C-alpha cells in the first residue's frame, strides 16, 4: 500500500486554511499544519505551532518536515485603511504573513518537494485594487508575481504553482475588527464564498487533473469582479 500524499498547510487553525486541511484529510492526505493556535483537526495531523508574522522562525520550524508533495499557504490577516490613515505596522504585518512567510516556506521546502508536486498560494480577488485596502491588495498582488516566477523555475520538475484568489469569504477574518473600515460587500450571486468552495478548488489543483495548470491565478468571487 502506498504512503499517503503529504501536504504542508499554513493557517490550518481557522477559515480557509482549516477548510483546506479538513478537505485534504478527508481525501486521505497526511497533513502538517502550521498555525499560531491549535487546529480543529489537530488530532488528525502533525501540528507545528508557528507565528507566521515572524518569518525568521519559519525555516528552523520546518527542519523536521520531509517528503512533501504539496504546499498550501493559506495563512492570512487583513487590516484596512484609506489614504491619510495608513498604518506602517499593519502594512508590515500583512507583508510578513502573506509574502515573506510564503517566500521562506517555499524556499525552505523547495528541495523537499517531490517532482510532480504542487504549490498553492491563497490570494484574494482584492489583488486588483479596492478602495481602503491598498496595503492588503499589494501583498496579495505580490503572490501572483511570485507564483508565476516559481512556476517557471519549477516546471522542469513538473511542480505546479498557482494562486487561488477568493472574493469575500465567510470566515472569522471577515469579521476581524481590524478590517472594519471596509465592510464586506455581498457578491452578485447573493452570498459570500464558502471556505469549503475554496478548499474544493485547491483540492483540484493538488490532484491529478490539476497537473497542467501552473502560473495561474484562479479567481472565485461570486461575480464580484464582473
N, C-alpha and C. Protein backbone atom coordinates (compact mmCIF):
# COMPACT_ATOMS: atom_id res chain seq x y z
N UNK A 1 0.85 -1.19 0.00
CA UNK A 1 0.00 0.00 0.00
C UNK A 1 0.89 1.24 0.00
N UNK A 2 0.60 2.19 -0.89
CA UNK A 2 1.44 3.38 -1.00
C UNK A 2 1.21 4.32 0.17
N UNK A 3 2.24 5.11 0.47
CA UNK A 3 2.14 6.10 1.53
C UNK A 3 1.20 7.22 1.11
N UNK A 4 0.43 7.81 2.06
CA UNK A 4 -0.43 8.93 1.69
C UNK A 4 0.38 10.14 1.28
N UNK A 5 -0.17 10.94 0.39
CA UNK A 5 0.50 12.17 -0.01
C UNK A 5 0.57 13.12 1.18
N UNK A 6 1.61 13.94 1.19
CA UNK A 6 1.88 14.81 2.34
C UNK A 6 1.79 16.27 1.92
N UNK A 7 0.93 17.04 2.57
CA UNK A 7 0.78 18.47 2.29
C UNK A 7 1.10 19.28 3.54
N UNK A 8 1.81 20.38 3.33
CA UNK A 8 2.05 21.36 4.38
C UNK A 8 1.05 22.50 4.17
N UNK A 9 0.24 22.77 5.19
CA UNK A 9 -0.83 23.77 5.06
C UNK A 9 -0.66 24.81 6.16
N UNK A 10 -0.48 26.08 5.78
CA UNK A 10 -0.41 27.15 6.78
C UNK A 10 -1.81 27.70 7.03
N UNK A 11 -1.95 28.33 8.19
CA UNK A 11 -3.26 28.88 8.56
C UNK A 11 -4.28 27.80 8.82
N UNK A 12 -3.81 26.64 9.26
CA UNK A 12 -4.68 25.46 9.37
C UNK A 12 -5.65 25.53 10.54
N UNK A 13 -5.58 26.56 11.36
CA UNK A 13 -6.41 26.61 12.56
C UNK A 13 -7.76 27.28 12.33
N UNK A 14 -7.95 27.97 11.19
CA UNK A 14 -9.18 28.75 11.04
C UNK A 14 -9.46 29.03 9.57
N UNK A 15 -10.72 29.33 9.28
CA UNK A 15 -11.11 29.84 7.97
C UNK A 15 -10.74 28.94 6.81
N UNK A 16 -10.19 29.55 5.77
CA UNK A 16 -9.86 28.83 4.55
C UNK A 16 -8.82 27.75 4.80
N UNK A 17 -7.79 28.06 5.58
CA UNK A 17 -6.76 27.08 5.87
C UNK A 17 -7.31 25.84 6.56
N UNK A 18 -8.21 26.05 7.53
CA UNK A 18 -8.81 24.92 8.24
C UNK A 18 -9.68 24.09 7.29
N UNK A 19 -10.40 24.76 6.39
CA UNK A 19 -11.25 24.05 5.43
C UNK A 19 -10.41 23.23 4.46
N UNK A 20 -9.29 23.79 4.03
CA UNK A 20 -8.41 23.05 3.12
C UNK A 20 -7.81 21.85 3.83
N UNK A 21 -7.34 22.04 5.04
CA UNK A 21 -6.76 20.92 5.79
C UNK A 21 -7.78 19.81 5.99
N UNK A 22 -9.01 20.18 6.36
CA UNK A 22 -10.06 19.18 6.58
C UNK A 22 -10.38 18.43 5.29
N UNK A 23 -10.46 19.16 4.17
CA UNK A 23 -10.77 18.53 2.88
C UNK A 23 -9.68 17.52 2.50
N UNK A 24 -8.43 17.93 2.65
CA UNK A 24 -7.34 17.04 2.27
C UNK A 24 -7.25 15.82 3.20
N UNK A 25 -7.50 16.03 4.48
CA UNK A 25 -7.52 14.90 5.41
C UNK A 25 -8.59 13.90 5.01
N UNK A 26 -9.77 14.41 4.64
CA UNK A 26 -10.85 13.52 4.22
C UNK A 26 -10.51 12.77 2.93
N UNK A 27 -9.63 13.36 2.13
CA UNK A 27 -9.22 12.72 0.88
C UNK A 27 -8.02 11.79 1.07
N UNK A 28 -7.57 11.64 2.31
CA UNK A 28 -6.51 10.69 2.59
C UNK A 28 -5.11 11.26 2.63
N UNK A 29 -4.98 12.59 2.56
CA UNK A 29 -3.66 13.21 2.65
C UNK A 29 -3.15 13.14 4.08
N UNK A 30 -1.84 13.17 4.22
CA UNK A 30 -1.18 13.40 5.51
C UNK A 30 -0.87 14.89 5.57
N UNK A 31 -1.23 15.54 6.67
CA UNK A 31 -1.11 16.99 6.76
C UNK A 31 -0.14 17.40 7.86
N UNK A 32 0.74 18.34 7.53
CA UNK A 32 1.48 19.09 8.53
C UNK A 32 0.87 20.48 8.55
N UNK A 33 0.19 20.81 9.63
CA UNK A 33 -0.46 22.10 9.75
C UNK A 33 0.43 23.10 10.48
N UNK A 34 0.44 24.32 9.99
CA UNK A 34 1.23 25.39 10.60
C UNK A 34 0.30 26.53 10.96
N UNK A 35 0.29 26.90 12.24
CA UNK A 35 -0.58 28.00 12.69
C UNK A 35 -0.16 28.40 14.10
N UNK A 36 -0.67 29.56 14.52
CA UNK A 36 -0.37 30.01 15.89
C UNK A 36 -1.16 29.23 16.92
N UNK A 37 -2.43 28.94 16.60
CA UNK A 37 -3.30 28.24 17.54
C UNK A 37 -3.61 26.84 17.02
N UNK A 38 -4.00 25.98 17.92
CA UNK A 38 -4.21 24.58 17.57
C UNK A 38 -5.37 24.42 16.59
N UNK A 39 -5.17 23.68 15.51
CA UNK A 39 -6.24 23.49 14.51
C UNK A 39 -7.36 22.61 15.06
N UNK A 40 -8.58 22.77 14.50
CA UNK A 40 -9.69 21.91 14.95
C UNK A 40 -9.47 20.45 14.62
N UNK A 41 -8.65 20.16 13.61
CA UNK A 41 -8.36 18.77 13.23
C UNK A 41 -6.98 18.34 13.73
N UNK A 42 -6.52 18.93 14.83
CA UNK A 42 -5.15 18.69 15.30
C UNK A 42 -4.86 17.22 15.56
N UNK A 43 -5.88 16.48 16.01
CA UNK A 43 -5.65 15.06 16.33
C UNK A 43 -5.43 14.23 15.06
N UNK A 44 -5.75 14.80 13.91
CA UNK A 44 -5.60 14.06 12.65
C UNK A 44 -4.37 14.48 11.84
N UNK A 45 -3.60 15.40 12.37
CA UNK A 45 -2.45 15.92 11.62
C UNK A 45 -1.26 16.16 12.52
N UNK A 46 -0.12 16.42 11.92
CA UNK A 46 1.03 16.92 12.66
C UNK A 46 0.91 18.44 12.70
N UNK A 47 1.05 19.02 13.87
CA UNK A 47 0.86 20.47 14.00
C UNK A 47 2.15 21.13 14.47
N UNK A 48 2.57 22.16 13.74
CA UNK A 48 3.72 22.98 14.13
C UNK A 48 3.21 24.34 14.58
N UNK A 49 3.31 24.66 15.88
CA UNK A 49 2.86 25.96 16.36
C UNK A 49 3.87 27.06 15.98
N UNK A 50 3.56 27.81 14.93
CA UNK A 50 4.47 28.83 14.42
C UNK A 50 3.70 30.12 14.16
N UNK A 51 4.27 31.23 14.57
CA UNK A 51 3.70 32.54 14.28
C UNK A 51 4.27 33.02 12.95
N UNK A 52 3.46 32.97 11.89
CA UNK A 52 3.94 33.33 10.56
C UNK A 52 4.17 34.83 10.39
N UNK A 53 3.78 35.61 11.39
CA UNK A 53 4.13 37.04 11.38
C UNK A 53 5.60 37.22 11.74
N UNK A 54 6.27 36.11 12.07
CA UNK A 54 7.71 36.12 12.34
C UNK A 54 8.38 35.15 11.36
N UNK A 55 8.49 35.53 10.08
CA UNK A 55 9.03 34.60 9.09
C UNK A 55 10.43 34.12 9.40
N UNK A 56 11.15 34.86 10.25
CA UNK A 56 12.52 34.47 10.56
C UNK A 56 12.58 33.16 11.34
N UNK A 57 11.45 32.72 11.94
CA UNK A 57 11.46 31.47 12.71
C UNK A 57 10.95 30.29 11.89
N UNK A 58 10.43 30.57 10.69
CA UNK A 58 9.76 29.53 9.91
C UNK A 58 10.74 28.46 9.44
N UNK A 59 11.90 28.87 8.94
CA UNK A 59 12.84 27.90 8.37
C UNK A 59 13.26 26.86 9.41
N UNK A 60 13.61 27.29 10.62
CA UNK A 60 14.01 26.34 11.65
C UNK A 60 12.85 25.43 12.04
N UNK A 61 11.62 25.98 12.07
CA UNK A 61 10.45 25.18 12.44
C UNK A 61 10.18 24.06 11.44
N UNK A 62 10.62 24.28 10.19
CA UNK A 62 10.37 23.30 9.14
C UNK A 62 11.42 22.19 9.09
N UNK A 63 12.42 22.26 9.94
CA UNK A 63 13.52 21.30 9.90
C UNK A 63 13.06 19.84 9.92
N UNK A 64 12.04 19.46 10.73
CA UNK A 64 11.66 18.04 10.75
C UNK A 64 10.75 17.60 9.61
N UNK A 65 10.34 18.54 8.76
CA UNK A 65 9.38 18.21 7.69
C UNK A 65 10.10 17.58 6.50
N UNK A 66 9.60 16.45 6.04
CA UNK A 66 10.25 15.77 4.91
C UNK A 66 9.18 15.14 4.02
N UNK A 67 9.58 14.79 2.80
CA UNK A 67 8.68 14.09 1.90
C UNK A 67 7.44 14.88 1.56
N UNK A 68 7.60 16.09 1.05
CA UNK A 68 6.47 16.98 0.79
C UNK A 68 5.95 16.80 -0.64
N UNK A 69 4.65 16.62 -0.77
CA UNK A 69 4.01 16.53 -2.09
C UNK A 69 3.27 17.81 -2.45
N UNK A 70 2.92 18.62 -1.46
CA UNK A 70 2.20 19.86 -1.74
C UNK A 70 2.41 20.86 -0.61
N UNK A 71 2.39 22.14 -0.99
CA UNK A 71 2.44 23.25 -0.03
C UNK A 71 1.25 24.14 -0.31
N UNK A 72 0.50 24.47 0.74
CA UNK A 72 -0.62 25.41 0.62
C UNK A 72 -0.41 26.51 1.64
N UNK A 73 -0.20 27.74 1.15
CA UNK A 73 -0.03 28.88 2.06
C UNK A 73 -1.35 29.62 2.14
N UNK A 74 -2.11 29.32 3.21
CA UNK A 74 -3.44 29.90 3.37
C UNK A 74 -3.53 30.89 4.52
N UNK A 75 -2.45 31.03 5.29
CA UNK A 75 -2.48 31.97 6.43
C UNK A 75 -2.71 33.39 5.93
N UNK A 76 -3.54 34.13 6.64
CA UNK A 76 -3.81 35.49 6.21
C UNK A 76 -4.29 36.38 7.34
N UNK A 77 -4.14 37.67 7.12
CA UNK A 77 -4.62 38.67 8.06
C UNK A 77 -5.00 39.90 7.24
N UNK A 78 -6.02 40.60 7.66
CA UNK A 78 -6.44 41.78 6.90
C UNK A 78 -6.60 42.98 7.81
N UNK A 79 -5.96 44.07 7.42
CA UNK A 79 -6.13 45.38 8.05
C UNK A 79 -6.47 46.36 6.93
N UNK A 80 -7.38 47.25 7.18
CA UNK A 80 -7.79 48.17 6.12
C UNK A 80 -7.81 49.60 6.61
N UNK A 81 -7.48 50.51 5.70
CA UNK A 81 -7.50 51.95 5.99
C UNK A 81 -7.35 52.69 4.68
N UNK A 82 -7.87 53.89 4.63
CA UNK A 82 -7.75 54.72 3.44
C UNK A 82 -6.52 55.62 3.54
N UNK A 83 -6.14 56.17 2.41
CA UNK A 83 -5.01 57.11 2.39
C UNK A 83 -5.22 58.22 3.40
N UNK A 84 -4.15 58.56 4.09
CA UNK A 84 -4.23 59.53 5.16
C UNK A 84 -4.30 58.86 6.52
N UNK A 85 -4.64 57.57 6.52
CA UNK A 85 -4.74 56.84 7.77
C UNK A 85 -4.06 55.49 7.72
N UNK A 86 -3.14 55.31 6.75
CA UNK A 86 -2.44 54.04 6.64
C UNK A 86 -1.49 53.81 7.81
N UNK A 87 -1.42 52.56 8.24
CA UNK A 87 -0.53 52.18 9.33
C UNK A 87 0.64 51.39 8.77
N UNK A 88 1.86 51.90 8.98
CA UNK A 88 3.05 51.17 8.53
C UNK A 88 3.15 49.82 9.21
N UNK A 89 2.75 49.75 10.48
CA UNK A 89 2.82 48.48 11.22
C UNK A 89 1.86 47.46 10.63
N UNK A 90 0.66 47.90 10.25
CA UNK A 90 -0.31 46.98 9.64
C UNK A 90 0.19 46.51 8.28
N UNK A 91 0.77 47.43 7.50
CA UNK A 91 1.30 47.04 6.21
C UNK A 91 2.41 46.02 6.34
N UNK A 92 3.29 46.23 7.31
CA UNK A 92 4.39 45.29 7.53
C UNK A 92 3.86 43.94 7.98
N UNK A 93 2.84 43.94 8.86
CA UNK A 93 2.26 42.68 9.34
C UNK A 93 1.72 41.86 8.16
N UNK A 94 0.96 42.49 7.29
CA UNK A 94 0.38 41.76 6.17
C UNK A 94 1.45 41.29 5.20
N UNK A 95 2.48 42.10 4.99
CA UNK A 95 3.57 41.68 4.10
C UNK A 95 4.30 40.47 4.67
N UNK A 96 4.51 40.48 5.97
CA UNK A 96 5.21 39.36 6.61
C UNK A 96 4.40 38.07 6.49
N UNK A 97 3.11 38.13 6.81
CA UNK A 97 2.28 36.93 6.83
C UNK A 97 2.01 36.41 5.42
N UNK A 98 1.69 37.31 4.50
CA UNK A 98 1.29 36.87 3.15
C UNK A 98 2.49 36.58 2.25
N UNK A 99 3.49 37.46 2.25
CA UNK A 99 4.55 37.38 1.25
C UNK A 99 5.82 36.76 1.83
N UNK A 100 6.34 37.33 2.90
CA UNK A 100 7.61 36.81 3.43
C UNK A 100 7.47 35.39 3.95
N UNK A 101 6.36 35.09 4.62
CA UNK A 101 6.17 33.72 5.12
C UNK A 101 6.09 32.73 3.96
N UNK A 102 5.39 33.11 2.88
CA UNK A 102 5.33 32.23 1.70
C UNK A 102 6.72 32.05 1.10
N UNK A 103 7.45 33.13 1.03
CA UNK A 103 8.80 33.10 0.46
C UNK A 103 9.71 32.15 1.24
N UNK A 104 9.72 32.28 2.56
CA UNK A 104 10.57 31.41 3.39
C UNK A 104 10.08 29.96 3.33
N UNK A 105 8.76 29.78 3.38
CA UNK A 105 8.17 28.44 3.38
C UNK A 105 8.56 27.66 2.13
N UNK A 106 8.30 28.25 0.96
CA UNK A 106 8.56 27.54 -0.29
C UNK A 106 10.06 27.41 -0.54
N UNK A 107 10.83 28.43 -0.18
CA UNK A 107 12.27 28.36 -0.36
C UNK A 107 12.87 27.24 0.50
N UNK A 108 12.42 27.16 1.75
CA UNK A 108 12.96 26.15 2.66
C UNK A 108 12.61 24.74 2.22
N UNK A 109 11.44 24.57 1.61
CA UNK A 109 10.97 23.23 1.25
C UNK A 109 11.20 22.88 -0.22
N UNK A 110 11.77 23.80 -0.99
CA UNK A 110 11.90 23.59 -2.44
C UNK A 110 12.59 22.27 -2.77
N UNK A 111 13.65 21.96 -2.04
CA UNK A 111 14.39 20.73 -2.33
C UNK A 111 13.73 19.50 -1.74
N UNK A 112 12.67 19.72 -0.93
CA UNK A 112 11.96 18.58 -0.32
C UNK A 112 10.63 18.29 -1.00
N UNK A 113 10.24 19.12 -1.97
CA UNK A 113 9.01 18.85 -2.72
C UNK A 113 9.29 17.78 -3.76
N UNK A 114 8.46 16.77 -3.80
CA UNK A 114 8.63 15.71 -4.78
C UNK A 114 8.40 16.24 -6.19
N UNK A 115 9.13 15.71 -7.15
CA UNK A 115 8.86 16.04 -8.54
C UNK A 115 7.40 15.70 -8.84
N UNK A 116 6.73 16.61 -9.56
CA UNK A 116 5.31 16.45 -9.81
C UNK A 116 4.44 16.99 -8.69
N UNK A 117 5.07 17.68 -7.72
CA UNK A 117 4.34 18.23 -6.58
C UNK A 117 3.54 19.48 -6.93
N UNK A 118 2.95 20.07 -5.91
CA UNK A 118 2.05 21.21 -6.10
C UNK A 118 2.32 22.29 -5.05
N UNK A 119 2.15 23.54 -5.48
CA UNK A 119 2.19 24.68 -4.55
C UNK A 119 0.97 25.55 -4.86
N UNK A 120 0.21 25.88 -3.82
CA UNK A 120 -0.93 26.79 -3.96
C UNK A 120 -0.80 27.89 -2.93
N UNK A 121 -0.87 29.12 -3.39
CA UNK A 121 -0.89 30.29 -2.51
C UNK A 121 -2.30 30.86 -2.52
N UNK A 122 -2.85 31.12 -1.34
CA UNK A 122 -4.20 31.68 -1.27
C UNK A 122 -4.09 33.20 -1.33
N UNK A 123 -4.55 33.76 -2.43
CA UNK A 123 -4.52 35.20 -2.63
C UNK A 123 -5.86 35.82 -2.33
N UNK A 124 -6.25 36.77 -3.15
CA UNK A 124 -7.54 37.44 -2.95
C UNK A 124 -7.93 38.16 -4.22
N UNK A 125 -9.21 38.18 -4.50
CA UNK A 125 -9.72 38.97 -5.60
C UNK A 125 -9.36 40.45 -5.42
N UNK A 126 -9.12 40.86 -4.17
CA UNK A 126 -8.76 42.24 -3.85
C UNK A 126 -7.44 42.65 -4.49
N UNK A 127 -6.65 41.69 -4.95
CA UNK A 127 -5.34 41.98 -5.53
C UNK A 127 -5.41 42.97 -6.69
N UNK A 128 -6.57 43.11 -7.32
CA UNK A 128 -6.70 44.05 -8.43
C UNK A 128 -6.90 45.48 -7.97
N UNK A 129 -7.08 45.69 -6.66
CA UNK A 129 -7.23 47.03 -6.12
C UNK A 129 -8.65 47.32 -5.65
N UNK A 130 -8.77 47.72 -4.39
CA UNK A 130 -10.06 48.07 -3.78
C UNK A 130 -9.85 49.27 -2.88
N UNK A 131 -10.69 50.31 -2.94
CA UNK A 131 -10.52 51.46 -2.06
C UNK A 131 -10.48 51.06 -0.59
N UNK A 132 -9.52 51.58 0.14
CA UNK A 132 -9.39 51.29 1.55
C UNK A 132 -8.61 50.04 1.88
N UNK A 133 -8.17 49.31 0.83
CA UNK A 133 -7.44 48.07 1.07
C UNK A 133 -6.11 48.04 0.31
N UNK A 134 -5.50 49.20 0.12
CA UNK A 134 -4.30 49.26 -0.73
C UNK A 134 -3.17 48.39 -0.19
N UNK A 135 -2.94 48.41 1.11
CA UNK A 135 -1.83 47.62 1.67
C UNK A 135 -2.10 46.13 1.55
N UNK A 136 -3.32 45.71 1.84
CA UNK A 136 -3.70 44.30 1.71
C UNK A 136 -3.62 43.87 0.25
N UNK A 137 -4.15 44.70 -0.65
CA UNK A 137 -4.13 44.38 -2.08
C UNK A 137 -2.71 44.20 -2.58
N UNK A 138 -1.81 45.05 -2.12
CA UNK A 138 -0.42 44.99 -2.58
C UNK A 138 0.22 43.65 -2.20
N UNK A 139 -0.06 43.18 -0.99
CA UNK A 139 0.55 41.91 -0.56
C UNK A 139 -0.03 40.74 -1.34
N UNK A 140 -1.32 40.80 -1.63
CA UNK A 140 -1.93 39.70 -2.38
C UNK A 140 -1.50 39.73 -3.85
N UNK A 141 -1.32 40.93 -4.41
CA UNK A 141 -0.83 41.02 -5.78
C UNK A 141 0.58 40.45 -5.90
N UNK A 142 1.38 40.62 -4.87
CA UNK A 142 2.75 40.09 -4.88
C UNK A 142 2.75 38.57 -5.01
N UNK A 143 1.74 37.91 -4.47
CA UNK A 143 1.70 36.45 -4.53
C UNK A 143 1.60 35.96 -5.97
N UNK A 144 0.86 36.68 -6.80
CA UNK A 144 0.72 36.27 -8.20
C UNK A 144 2.06 36.35 -8.92
N UNK A 145 2.84 37.39 -8.64
CA UNK A 145 4.15 37.54 -9.28
C UNK A 145 5.11 36.45 -8.81
N UNK A 146 5.07 36.15 -7.52
CA UNK A 146 5.93 35.08 -7.01
C UNK A 146 5.53 33.74 -7.60
N UNK A 147 4.22 33.49 -7.68
CA UNK A 147 3.76 32.20 -8.19
C UNK A 147 4.19 31.99 -9.63
N UNK A 148 4.08 33.01 -10.47
CA UNK A 148 4.48 32.86 -11.87
C UNK A 148 6.00 32.63 -11.98
N UNK A 149 6.75 33.32 -11.15
CA UNK A 149 8.21 33.15 -11.16
C UNK A 149 8.58 31.73 -10.73
N UNK A 150 7.98 31.28 -9.65
CA UNK A 150 8.28 29.94 -9.15
C UNK A 150 7.78 28.87 -10.12
N UNK A 151 6.64 29.11 -10.76
CA UNK A 151 6.11 28.13 -11.72
C UNK A 151 7.11 27.90 -12.84
N UNK A 152 7.73 28.99 -13.33
CA UNK A 152 8.72 28.86 -14.40
C UNK A 152 9.96 28.12 -13.91
N UNK A 153 10.38 28.41 -12.69
CA UNK A 153 11.57 27.76 -12.14
C UNK A 153 11.35 26.27 -11.91
N UNK A 154 10.14 25.91 -11.46
CA UNK A 154 9.89 24.53 -11.05
C UNK A 154 9.28 23.66 -12.15
N UNK A 155 8.96 24.27 -13.29
CA UNK A 155 8.35 23.49 -14.38
C UNK A 155 9.20 22.30 -14.81
N UNK A 156 10.54 22.42 -14.87
CA UNK A 156 11.32 21.24 -15.27
C UNK A 156 11.14 20.05 -14.34
N UNK A 157 10.68 20.29 -13.12
CA UNK A 157 10.41 19.18 -12.19
C UNK A 157 8.93 18.82 -12.16
N UNK A 158 8.15 19.39 -13.07
CA UNK A 158 6.70 19.14 -13.16
C UNK A 158 5.97 19.55 -11.89
N UNK A 159 6.52 20.53 -11.17
CA UNK A 159 5.86 21.08 -9.98
C UNK A 159 5.05 22.29 -10.42
N UNK A 160 3.76 22.30 -10.09
CA UNK A 160 2.91 23.43 -10.46
C UNK A 160 2.80 24.41 -9.30
N UNK A 161 2.63 25.69 -9.65
CA UNK A 161 2.47 26.75 -8.65
C UNK A 161 1.34 27.65 -9.11
N UNK A 162 0.32 27.80 -8.28
CA UNK A 162 -0.84 28.61 -8.64
C UNK A 162 -1.34 29.41 -7.45
N UNK A 163 -2.16 30.40 -7.76
CA UNK A 163 -2.82 31.22 -6.74
C UNK A 163 -4.32 31.00 -6.84
N UNK A 164 -4.96 30.74 -5.71
CA UNK A 164 -6.41 30.72 -5.61
C UNK A 164 -6.82 32.05 -4.98
N UNK A 165 -7.65 32.81 -5.68
CA UNK A 165 -7.97 34.17 -5.24
C UNK A 165 -9.47 34.32 -4.99
N UNK A 166 -9.92 34.04 -3.78
CA UNK A 166 -11.35 34.17 -3.48
C UNK A 166 -11.76 35.62 -3.23
N UNK A 167 -13.04 35.86 -3.46
CA UNK A 167 -13.64 37.12 -3.04
C UNK A 167 -14.03 37.02 -1.58
N UNK A 168 -14.98 37.87 -1.12
CA UNK A 168 -15.36 37.84 0.29
C UNK A 168 -15.84 36.45 0.71
N UNK A 169 -15.12 35.91 1.69
CA UNK A 169 -15.35 34.52 2.10
C UNK A 169 -15.82 34.51 3.55
N UNK A 170 -16.76 33.66 3.85
CA UNK A 170 -17.37 33.61 5.18
C UNK A 170 -16.44 32.94 6.18
N UNK A 171 -15.49 33.72 6.69
CA UNK A 171 -14.51 33.25 7.65
C UNK A 171 -14.41 34.25 8.81
N UNK A 172 -13.79 33.85 9.92
CA UNK A 172 -13.59 34.80 11.02
C UNK A 172 -12.83 36.05 10.60
N UNK A 173 -11.92 35.95 9.61
CA UNK A 173 -11.16 37.13 9.19
C UNK A 173 -12.07 38.21 8.64
N UNK A 174 -13.21 37.80 8.07
CA UNK A 174 -14.14 38.77 7.50
C UNK A 174 -14.76 39.64 8.60
N UNK A 175 -14.77 39.10 9.82
CA UNK A 175 -15.36 39.82 10.95
C UNK A 175 -14.31 40.42 11.88
N UNK A 176 -13.06 40.42 11.44
CA UNK A 176 -11.96 40.97 12.24
C UNK A 176 -12.15 42.49 12.37
N UNK A 177 -12.13 43.02 13.60
CA UNK A 177 -12.28 44.47 13.77
C UNK A 177 -11.22 45.27 13.02
N UNK A 178 -10.07 44.66 12.72
CA UNK A 178 -9.01 45.36 12.02
C UNK A 178 -9.35 45.72 10.59
N UNK A 179 -10.41 45.13 10.03
CA UNK A 179 -10.82 45.47 8.67
C UNK A 179 -12.21 46.13 8.65
N UNK A 180 -12.62 46.67 9.81
CA UNK A 180 -13.96 47.26 9.93
C UNK A 180 -14.15 48.50 9.05
N UNK A 181 -13.05 49.12 8.63
CA UNK A 181 -13.17 50.31 7.77
C UNK A 181 -13.71 49.98 6.39
N UNK A 182 -13.65 48.70 6.01
CA UNK A 182 -14.15 48.28 4.70
C UNK A 182 -15.06 47.06 4.88
N UNK A 183 -16.32 47.29 5.25
CA UNK A 183 -17.24 46.16 5.46
C UNK A 183 -17.37 45.33 4.19
N UNK A 184 -17.56 44.03 4.34
CA UNK A 184 -17.68 43.17 3.15
C UNK A 184 -18.94 43.48 2.36
N UNK A 185 -18.82 43.34 1.04
CA UNK A 185 -19.96 43.54 0.14
C UNK A 185 -20.34 42.17 -0.41
N UNK A 186 -21.62 41.82 -0.28
CA UNK A 186 -22.07 40.52 -0.78
C UNK A 186 -21.99 40.52 -2.30
N UNK A 187 -21.35 39.49 -2.90
CA UNK A 187 -21.20 39.43 -4.35
C UNK A 187 -22.53 39.31 -5.08
N UNK A 188 -22.55 39.55 -6.39
CA UNK A 188 -23.78 39.47 -7.18
C UNK A 188 -24.53 38.14 -7.08
N UNK A 189 -23.82 37.04 -6.84
CA UNK A 189 -24.52 35.77 -6.71
C UNK A 189 -25.36 35.68 -5.45
N UNK A 190 -25.24 36.68 -4.58
CA UNK A 190 -26.16 36.78 -3.45
C UNK A 190 -25.69 36.17 -2.15
N UNK A 191 -24.45 35.71 -2.09
CA UNK A 191 -23.93 35.15 -0.85
C UNK A 191 -22.42 35.23 -0.86
N UNK A 192 -21.84 35.07 0.33
CA UNK A 192 -20.39 35.03 0.44
C UNK A 192 -19.85 33.70 -0.08
N UNK A 193 -18.59 33.71 -0.48
CA UNK A 193 -17.91 32.47 -0.85
C UNK A 193 -17.77 31.61 0.41
N UNK A 194 -17.96 30.31 0.25
CA UNK A 194 -17.80 29.40 1.39
C UNK A 194 -16.36 28.87 1.43
N UNK A 195 -15.77 28.75 2.61
CA UNK A 195 -14.40 28.21 2.71
C UNK A 195 -14.28 26.84 2.04
N UNK A 196 -15.33 26.05 2.12
CA UNK A 196 -15.29 24.71 1.53
C UNK A 196 -15.15 24.78 0.01
N UNK A 197 -15.66 25.84 -0.60
CA UNK A 197 -15.53 26.01 -2.05
C UNK A 197 -14.07 26.30 -2.42
N UNK A 198 -13.43 27.12 -1.61
CA UNK A 198 -12.01 27.41 -1.84
C UNK A 198 -11.19 26.13 -1.66
N UNK A 199 -11.58 25.34 -0.66
CA UNK A 199 -10.90 24.06 -0.42
C UNK A 199 -11.08 23.12 -1.61
N UNK A 200 -12.27 23.14 -2.22
CA UNK A 200 -12.52 22.29 -3.38
C UNK A 200 -11.65 22.65 -4.57
N UNK A 201 -11.52 23.95 -4.83
CA UNK A 201 -10.68 24.39 -5.94
C UNK A 201 -9.21 24.06 -5.66
N UNK A 202 -8.81 24.24 -4.43
CA UNK A 202 -7.43 23.88 -4.05
C UNK A 202 -7.19 22.39 -4.23
N UNK A 203 -8.16 21.58 -3.82
CA UNK A 203 -8.04 20.14 -3.99
C UNK A 203 -7.87 19.77 -5.46
N UNK A 204 -8.61 20.44 -6.33
CA UNK A 204 -8.47 20.18 -7.77
C UNK A 204 -7.03 20.47 -8.23
N UNK A 205 -6.48 21.61 -7.80
CA UNK A 205 -5.13 21.98 -8.22
C UNK A 205 -4.09 21.01 -7.69
N UNK A 206 -4.36 20.42 -6.54
CA UNK A 206 -3.41 19.47 -5.95
C UNK A 206 -3.56 18.06 -6.52
N UNK A 207 -4.65 17.83 -7.22
CA UNK A 207 -4.93 16.49 -7.72
C UNK A 207 -4.42 16.26 -9.13
N UNK A 208 -4.64 15.07 -9.66
CA UNK A 208 -4.12 14.71 -10.98
C UNK A 208 -4.66 15.57 -12.11
N UNK A 209 -5.92 16.04 -11.99
CA UNK A 209 -6.49 16.87 -13.05
C UNK A 209 -5.90 18.27 -13.09
N UNK A 210 -5.20 18.66 -12.01
CA UNK A 210 -4.60 19.98 -11.97
C UNK A 210 -3.17 20.03 -12.46
N UNK A 211 -2.69 18.93 -13.00
CA UNK A 211 -1.27 18.83 -13.34
C UNK A 211 -0.80 19.69 -14.49
N UNK A 212 -1.72 20.21 -15.31
CA UNK A 212 -1.32 21.07 -16.42
C UNK A 212 -1.62 22.54 -16.17
N UNK A 213 -2.07 22.87 -14.97
CA UNK A 213 -2.38 24.25 -14.62
C UNK A 213 -1.25 24.79 -13.76
N UNK A 214 -0.54 25.79 -14.26
CA UNK A 214 0.56 26.36 -13.47
C UNK A 214 0.79 27.81 -13.83
N UNK A 215 1.23 28.59 -12.85
CA UNK A 215 1.48 30.00 -13.04
C UNK A 215 0.23 30.84 -13.17
N UNK A 216 -0.91 30.30 -12.71
CA UNK A 216 -2.18 30.96 -12.92
C UNK A 216 -2.77 31.49 -11.60
N UNK A 217 -3.62 32.50 -11.74
CA UNK A 217 -4.42 32.99 -10.62
C UNK A 217 -5.88 32.68 -10.93
N UNK A 218 -6.47 31.83 -10.11
CA UNK A 218 -7.86 31.41 -10.32
C UNK A 218 -8.75 32.18 -9.35
N UNK A 219 -9.61 33.02 -9.91
CA UNK A 219 -10.46 33.89 -9.10
C UNK A 219 -11.80 33.22 -8.84
N UNK A 220 -12.22 33.24 -7.58
CA UNK A 220 -13.50 32.67 -7.14
C UNK A 220 -14.21 33.74 -6.33
N UNK A 221 -15.04 34.55 -6.99
CA UNK A 221 -15.51 35.77 -6.34
C UNK A 221 -17.02 35.92 -6.30
N UNK A 222 -17.78 34.91 -6.72
CA UNK A 222 -19.22 35.05 -6.69
C UNK A 222 -19.75 36.15 -7.60
N UNK A 223 -18.97 36.50 -8.61
CA UNK A 223 -19.39 37.55 -9.54
C UNK A 223 -18.96 38.94 -9.16
N UNK A 224 -18.18 39.09 -8.09
CA UNK A 224 -17.78 40.42 -7.63
C UNK A 224 -16.89 41.15 -8.64
N UNK A 225 -16.21 40.40 -9.49
CA UNK A 225 -15.32 41.03 -10.45
C UNK A 225 -15.96 41.26 -11.82
N UNK A 226 -17.25 40.97 -11.93
CA UNK A 226 -17.94 41.17 -13.21
C UNK A 226 -18.10 42.66 -13.50
